[in-house]
Protein backbone atom coordinates (compact mmCIF):
# COMPACT_ATOMS: atom_id res chain seq x y z
CA MET A 1 -17.17 5.70 -11.98
CA LYS A 2 -15.90 4.07 -8.80
CA GLN A 3 -15.08 0.41 -9.08
CA GLU A 4 -16.26 -2.03 -6.47
CA LEU A 5 -13.31 -4.29 -5.79
CA THR A 6 -13.85 -8.03 -5.68
CA ALA A 7 -12.24 -9.82 -2.79
CA VAL A 8 -8.98 -11.71 -2.97
CA ARG A 9 -9.34 -15.07 -1.21
CA LEU A 10 -6.22 -15.98 0.73
CA ASP A 11 -5.69 -18.24 3.72
CA ILE A 12 -2.49 -16.88 5.17
CA ARG A 13 -1.87 -19.97 7.30
CA THR A 14 -1.45 -22.16 4.23
CA ALA A 15 -0.59 -19.68 1.46
CA THR A 16 2.80 -20.00 -0.17
CA LYS A 17 4.94 -16.99 -1.02
CA GLN A 18 3.99 -17.49 -4.67
CA GLU A 19 0.26 -17.49 -3.80
CA ILE A 20 0.69 -14.28 -1.80
CA LEU A 21 2.51 -12.64 -4.73
CA ALA A 22 -0.21 -13.88 -7.11
CA ALA A 23 -2.93 -12.39 -4.87
CA ILE A 24 -1.11 -9.04 -4.83
CA ARG A 25 -0.72 -9.07 -8.63
CA GLN A 26 -4.39 -10.04 -9.06
CA LYS A 27 -5.54 -7.15 -6.88
CA ALA A 28 -3.18 -4.71 -8.65
CA LYS A 29 -4.66 -5.72 -12.03
CA LYS A 30 -8.16 -5.07 -10.73
CA LEU A 31 -7.08 -1.65 -9.44
CA GLU A 32 -5.51 -0.83 -12.82
CA LYS A 33 -8.82 -1.36 -14.62
CA SER A 34 -10.63 1.67 -13.20
CA GLY A 35 -8.18 3.80 -11.29
CA ARG A 36 -4.99 5.69 -11.83
CA ILE A 37 -2.67 3.24 -10.08
CA CYS A 38 -0.60 2.86 -13.29
CA MET A 39 0.56 6.44 -12.73
CA THR A 40 2.43 5.25 -9.64
CA LYS A 41 4.76 3.24 -11.90
CA GLN A 42 6.26 6.46 -13.26
CA TYR A 43 7.20 8.00 -9.92
CA CYS A 44 10.28 7.06 -7.93
CA GLN A 45 9.71 6.29 -4.25
CA HIS A 46 12.95 5.09 -2.60
CA GLY A 47 16.23 4.33 -4.34
CA ASP A 48 15.34 3.00 -7.81
CA CYS A 49 12.00 1.63 -6.62
CA SER A 50 8.78 3.07 -8.09
CA VAL A 51 5.81 4.02 -5.92
CA PHE A 52 3.96 1.04 -7.44
CA GLU A 53 6.76 -1.38 -6.53
CA HIS A 54 7.00 0.13 -3.05
CA CYS A 55 3.27 -0.38 -2.46
CA ALA A 56 3.48 -3.97 -3.73
CA ASN A 57 6.47 -4.54 -1.44
CA VAL A 58 4.50 -3.21 1.53
CA ALA A 59 1.59 -5.53 0.67
CA TYR A 60 3.94 -8.52 0.41
CA VAL A 61 5.88 -7.78 3.60
CA SER A 62 2.63 -7.14 5.51
CA CYS A 63 1.23 -10.51 4.42
CA MET A 64 4.48 -12.30 5.23
CA LEU A 65 4.64 -10.73 8.71
CA PHE A 66 1.09 -11.88 9.47
CA ARG A 67 1.98 -15.34 8.14
CA GLN A 68 5.16 -15.56 10.24
CA MET A 69 3.28 -14.48 13.37
CA HIS A 70 0.32 -16.82 12.72
CA ILE A 71 -2.09 -13.90 13.11
CA ASP A 72 -5.33 -13.87 11.12
CA ALA A 73 -6.25 -10.76 9.15
CA ASP A 74 -8.53 -9.36 6.49
CA PHE A 75 -6.09 -9.97 3.66
CA ASP A 76 -8.27 -8.41 0.99
CA ALA A 77 -8.37 -5.12 2.90
CA LEU A 78 -4.69 -5.47 3.79
CA ILE A 79 -3.59 -5.90 0.17
CA THR A 80 -5.91 -3.19 -1.17
CA GLY A 81 -4.91 -0.70 1.52
CA ALA A 82 -1.22 -1.46 1.08
CA LEU A 83 -1.42 -1.05 -2.71
CA LEU A 84 -3.16 2.32 -2.29
CA HIS A 85 -1.35 3.67 0.79
CA ASP A 86 0.85 6.00 -1.31
CA TYR A 87 -1.76 6.90 -3.95
CA PHE A 88 -0.80 10.58 -3.89
CA LEU A 89 -0.02 10.63 -7.66
CA TYR A 90 2.87 13.11 -7.92
CA ASP A 91 6.67 13.09 -7.76
CA TRP A 92 7.48 13.88 -4.15
CA HIS A 93 11.14 14.44 -5.09
CA ASN A 94 10.19 17.49 -7.18
CA ARG A 95 10.17 20.41 -4.74
CA GLN A 96 8.15 22.62 -7.12
CA THR A 97 5.18 20.23 -7.36
CA CYS A 98 5.49 18.49 -3.99
CA HIS A 99 3.57 19.55 -0.90
CA PRO A 100 6.08 21.09 1.56
CA ALA A 101 4.97 18.72 4.33
CA HIS A 102 4.69 15.64 2.07
CA ALA A 103 5.42 13.08 4.81
CA VAL A 104 2.51 14.31 6.93
CA TYR A 105 0.16 15.39 4.12
CA HIS A 106 0.34 12.54 1.61
CA PRO A 107 -1.81 9.98 3.50
CA THR A 108 -4.76 12.41 3.36
CA LEU A 109 -4.20 13.04 -0.35
CA ALA A 110 -3.76 9.31 -1.03
CA LEU A 111 -7.09 8.61 0.69
CA HIS A 112 -8.77 11.44 -1.23
CA ASN A 113 -7.51 10.05 -4.56
CA ALA A 114 -8.41 6.45 -3.66
CA ARG A 115 -11.94 7.46 -2.67
CA LYS A 116 -12.36 9.14 -6.08
CA ASP A 117 -11.45 5.95 -7.93
CA TYR A 118 -12.60 3.06 -5.72
CA GLN A 119 -15.20 2.02 -3.18
CA LEU A 120 -13.15 1.51 -0.03
CA THR A 121 -13.97 -0.24 3.21
CA PRO A 122 -13.40 1.55 6.53
CA LYS A 123 -10.41 -0.76 7.15
CA GLU A 124 -8.84 0.14 3.79
CA GLU A 125 -9.33 3.82 4.60
CA ASP A 126 -7.70 3.27 8.02
CA ILE A 127 -4.69 1.64 6.35
CA ILE A 128 -4.21 4.49 3.88
CA LEU A 129 -4.82 7.34 6.31
CA HIS A 130 -2.70 6.10 9.23
CA HIS A 131 0.27 4.41 7.56
CA MET A 132 2.61 7.27 8.48
CA PHE A 133 2.00 7.07 12.23
CA PRO A 134 3.59 8.57 14.36
CA LEU A 135 3.98 11.46 11.87
CA THR A 136 0.21 11.44 11.56
CA VAL A 137 -1.18 12.18 15.01
CA LEU A 138 -3.86 9.50 15.11
CA PRO A 139 -2.70 5.88 15.31
CA PRO A 140 -4.05 3.05 13.16
CA LYS A 141 -7.25 1.40 14.40
CA SER A 142 -6.95 -2.09 12.89
CA ARG A 143 -4.25 -4.75 13.05
CA GLU A 144 -4.01 -4.56 9.25
CA ALA A 145 -3.29 -0.81 9.39
CA TRP A 146 -0.69 -1.34 12.12
CA MET A 147 1.04 -3.99 10.02
CA VAL A 148 1.10 -1.78 6.90
CA CYS A 149 2.48 1.04 9.06
CA LEU A 150 5.34 -1.25 10.18
CA ALA A 151 5.92 -2.83 6.76
CA ASP A 152 6.02 0.62 5.13
CA LYS A 153 8.94 1.63 7.33
CA LEU A 154 10.77 -1.66 6.79
CA CYS A 155 10.31 -1.43 3.02
CA ALA A 156 11.33 2.24 2.85
CA MET A 157 14.57 1.43 4.66
CA THR A 158 15.44 -1.65 2.60
CA GLU A 159 14.44 -0.04 -0.73
CA THR A 160 16.67 2.92 0.04
CA PHE A 161 19.56 0.46 0.40
CA GLY A 162 18.68 -1.50 -2.74
CA LYS A 163 16.35 -4.39 -1.82
CA VAL A 164 13.04 -4.70 -3.67
CA TRP A 165 10.82 -7.76 -3.14
CA VAL A 166 8.28 -7.22 -5.91
CA ARG A 167 9.28 -5.84 -9.33
CA GLN A 168 6.82 -4.55 -11.96
């Protein structure tokens, strides 16, 4: 049964880093209750960072970028979409089980898996489906999806070189 996700209340203009991290952890716990997000803890994403940690990092960096720029956003959708943007549920480093065009294909699979487990908003779907732009042809539609797209690239680069903001 799909779980309807309750909203995380966060005022980015006044939220501390600790409050942002707490909101991300709260949303992750809600996702763990009905979906398969715990599976992402067993797969490596970049360097020694799990897919779960990577997604939490992307959520955190996205929130912090909005905060630094003093831009308002739908933070519930932002955090949910960021936590589920790589919800493809396989080891992409294993060439025998990985889709040959993983970089282009995985946003569609992540959205498919997320739709199976959760009731998503159109904005959350936009975040998941378009986070690999420009590898995916269509660009993001919302500011939240654009920010996750940017944060995903920043996190991938820094995780590859050993920096992880949010640990399990």
